[in-house]
Amino acid sequence: MTPRYVRNRATRRDNTIAILISSVVAVGTAAGVFYFARLLLAREPLGRSLKEESKGALKAEK
Protein backbone atom coordinates (compact mmCIF):
# COMPACT_ATOMS: atom_id res chain seq x y z
CA MET A 1 0.00 0.00 0.00
CA THR A 2 1.43 3.35 -1.06
CA PRO A 3 1.07 6.28 1.36
CA ARG A 4 -0.52 9.36 -0.13
CA TYR A 5 0.21 12.96 0.73
CA VAL A 6 -1.82 16.09 0.25
CA ARG A 7 0.29 18.73 -1.45
CA ASN A 8 0.04 22.17 0.13
CA ARG A 9 1.29 25.43 -1.29
CA ALA A 10 4.42 26.71 0.39
CA THR A 11 3.90 29.67 2.67
CA ARG A 12 6.15 32.72 2.88
CA ARG A 13 7.64 31.28 6.08
CA ASP A 14 8.47 27.98 4.35
CA ASN A 15 10.13 29.84 1.49
CA THR A 16 12.14 32.00 3.90
CA ILE A 17 13.39 28.97 5.81
CA ALA A 18 14.35 27.23 2.55
CA ILE A 19 16.24 30.32 1.38
CA LEU A 20 18.12 30.57 4.70
CA ILE A 21 19.07 26.90 4.71
CA SER A 22 20.23 26.94 1.08
CA SER A 23 22.22 30.13 1.69
CA VAL A 24 23.99 28.62 4.70
CA VAL A 25 24.84 25.50 2.70
CA ALA A 26 26.12 27.62 -0.22
CA VAL A 27 28.30 29.80 2.03
CA GLY A 28 29.69 26.75 3.81
CA THR A 29 30.53 25.05 0.52
CA ALA A 30 32.13 28.21 -0.86
CA ALA A 31 34.23 28.62 2.30
CA GLY A 32 35.40 25.01 2.08
CA VAL A 33 36.36 25.33 -1.59
CA PHE A 34 38.14 28.63 -0.91
CA TYR A 35 40.13 27.11 1.95
CA PHE A 36 41.06 24.05 -0.13
CA ALA A 37 42.16 26.25 -3.05
CA ARG A 38 44.28 28.36 -0.69
CA LEU A 39 45.96 25.22 0.63
CA LEU A 40 46.80 24.08 -2.89
CA LEU A 41 48.08 27.50 -3.96
CA ALA A 42 50.18 27.98 -0.81
CA ARG A 43 52.38 24.98 -1.52
CA GLU A 44 56.01 25.72 -2.22
CA PRO A 45 57.68 23.94 -5.12
CA LEU A 46 60.52 21.59 -4.28
CA GLY A 47 63.92 22.97 -5.10
CA ARG A 48 66.31 21.12 -7.36
CA SER A 49 68.54 20.08 -4.45
CA LEU A 50 65.64 18.51 -2.55
CA LYS A 51 64.63 16.47 -5.60
CA GLU A 52 68.19 15.23 -6.07
CA GLU A 53 68.51 14.37 -2.38
CA SER A 54 65.32 12.34 -2.40
CA LYS A 55 66.42 10.46 -5.54
CA GLY A 56 69.79 9.78 -3.94
CA ALA A 57 68.14 8.47 -0.78
CA LEU A 58 65.98 6.12 -2.83
CA LYS A 59 69.01 4.81 -4.72
CA ALA A 60 70.90 4.26 -1.46
CA GLU A 61 68.05 2.14 -0.07
CA LYS A 62 68.12 -0.23 -3.07
C-alpha atoms as a PDB file:
ATOM      1  CA  MET A   1       0.000   0.000   0.000  1.00  0.00           C
ATOM      2  CA  THR A   2       1.431   3.350  -1.055  1.00  0.00           C
ATOM      3  CA  PRO A   3       1.065   6.283   1.361  1.00  0.00           C
ATOM      4  CA  ARG A   4      -0.523   9.365  -0.125  1.00  0.00           C
ATOM      5  CA  TYR A   5       0.212  12.958   0.725  1.00  0.00           C
ATOM      6  CA  VAL A   6      -1.823  16.091   0.247  1.00  0.00           C
ATOM      7  CA  ARG A   7       0.293  18.727  -1.447  1.00  0.00           C
ATOM      8  CA  ASN A   8       0.036  22.169   0.127  1.00  0.00           C
ATOM      9  CA  ARG A   9       1.293  25.429  -1.286  1.00  0.00           C
ATOM     10  CA  ALA A  10       4.424  26.709   0.395  1.00  0.00           C
ATOM     11  CA  THR A  11       3.903  29.674   2.669  1.00  0.00           C
ATOM     12  CA  ARG A  12       6.147  32.718   2.881  1.00  0.00           C
ATOM     13  CA  ARG A  13       7.638  31.276   6.080  1.00  0.00           C
ATOM     14  CA  ASP A  14       8.468  27.977   4.350  1.00  0.00           C
ATOM     15  CA  ASN A  15      10.130  29.841   1.487  1.00  0.00           C
ATOM     16  CA  THR A  16      12.137  32.005   3.899  1.00  0.00           C
ATOM     17  CA  ILE A  17      13.388  28.966   5.811  1.00  0.00           C
ATOM     18  CA  ALA A  18      14.347  27.232   2.551  1.00  0.00           C
ATOM     19  CA  ILE A  19      16.244  30.320   1.383  1.00  0.00           C
ATOM     20  CA  LEU A  20      18.115  30.569   4.696  1.00  0.00           C
ATOM     21  CA  ILE A  21      19.072  26.900   4.707  1.00  0.00           C
ATOM     22  CA  SER A  22      20.235  26.936   1.083  1.00  0.00           C
ATOM     23  CA  SER A  23      22.217  30.131   1.689  1.00  0.00           C
ATOM     24  CA  VAL A  24      23.987  28.623   4.698  1.00  0.00           C
ATOM     25  CA  VAL A  25      24.841  25.504   2.700  1.00  0.00           C
ATOM     26  CA  ALA A  26      26.123  27.615  -0.218  1.00  0.00           C
ATOM     27  CA  VAL A  27      28.298  29.803   2.033  1.00  0.00           C
ATOM     28  CA  GLY A  28      29.694  26.747   3.809  1.00  0.00           C
ATOM     29  CA  THR A  29      30.527  25.048   0.517  1.00  0.00           C
ATOM     30  CA  ALA A  30      32.133  28.214  -0.861  1.00  0.00           C
ATOM     31  CA  ALA A  31      34.231  28.618   2.296  1.00  0.00           C
ATOM     32  CA  GLY A  32      35.403  25.005   2.077  1.00  0.00           C
ATOM     33  CA  VAL A  33      36.356  25.328  -1.586  1.00  0.00           C
ATOM     34  CA  PHE A  34      38.137  28.629  -0.913  1.00  0.00           C
ATOM     35  CA  TYR A  35      40.131  27.107   1.949  1.00  0.00           C
ATOM     36  CA  PHE A  36      41.057  24.047  -0.129  1.00  0.00           C
ATOM     37  CA  ALA A  37      42.161  26.248  -3.053  1.00  0.00           C
ATOM     38  CA  ARG A  38      44.283  28.361  -0.690  1.00  0.00           C
ATOM     39  CA  LEU A  39      45.958  25.217   0.628  1.00  0.00           C
ATOM     40  CA  LEU A  40      46.796  24.083  -2.889  1.00  0.00           C
ATOM     41  CA  LEU A  41      48.082  27.496  -3.965  1.00  0.00           C
ATOM     42  CA  ALA A  42      50.178  27.979  -0.807  1.00  0.00           C
ATOM     43  CA  ARG A  43      52.383  24.981  -1.524  1.00  0.00           C
ATOM     44  CA  GLU A  44      56.007  25.716  -2.221  1.00  0.00           C
ATOM     45  CA  PRO A  45      57.683  23.936  -5.119  1.00  0.00           C
ATOM     46  CA  LEU A  46      60.516  21.587  -4.275  1.00  0.00           C
ATOM     47  CA  GLY A  47      63.916  22.973  -5.102  1.00  0.00           C
ATOM     48  CA  ARG A  48      66.307  21.122  -7.360  1.00  0.00           C
ATOM     49  CA  SER A  49      68.536  20.085  -4.448  1.00  0.00           C
ATOM     50  CA  LEU A  50      65.639  18.512  -2.554  1.00  0.00           C
ATOM     51  CA  LYS A  51      64.633  16.472  -5.595  1.00  0.00           C
ATOM     52  CA  GLU A  52      68.186  15.227  -6.074  1.00  0.00           C
ATOM     53  CA  GLU A  53      68.514  14.370  -2.378  1.00  0.00           C
ATOM     54  CA  SER A  54      65.321  12.342  -2.404  1.00  0.00           C
ATOM     55  CA  LYS A  55      66.424  10.464  -5.535  1.00  0.00           C
ATOM     56  CA  GLY A  56      69.785   9.779  -3.942  1.00  0.00           C
ATOM     57  CA  ALA A  57      68.144   8.472  -0.784  1.00  0.00           C
ATOM     58  CA  LEU A  58      65.984   6.117  -2.825  1.00  0.00           C
ATOM     59  CA  LYS A  59      69.014   4.809  -4.720  1.00  0.00           C
ATOM     60  CA  ALA A  60      70.899   4.257  -1.461  1.00  0.00           C
ATOM     61  CA  GLU A  61      68.053   2.144  -0.072  1.00  0.00           C
ATOM     62  CA  LYS A  62      68.124  -0.231  -3.068  1.00  0.00           C
END
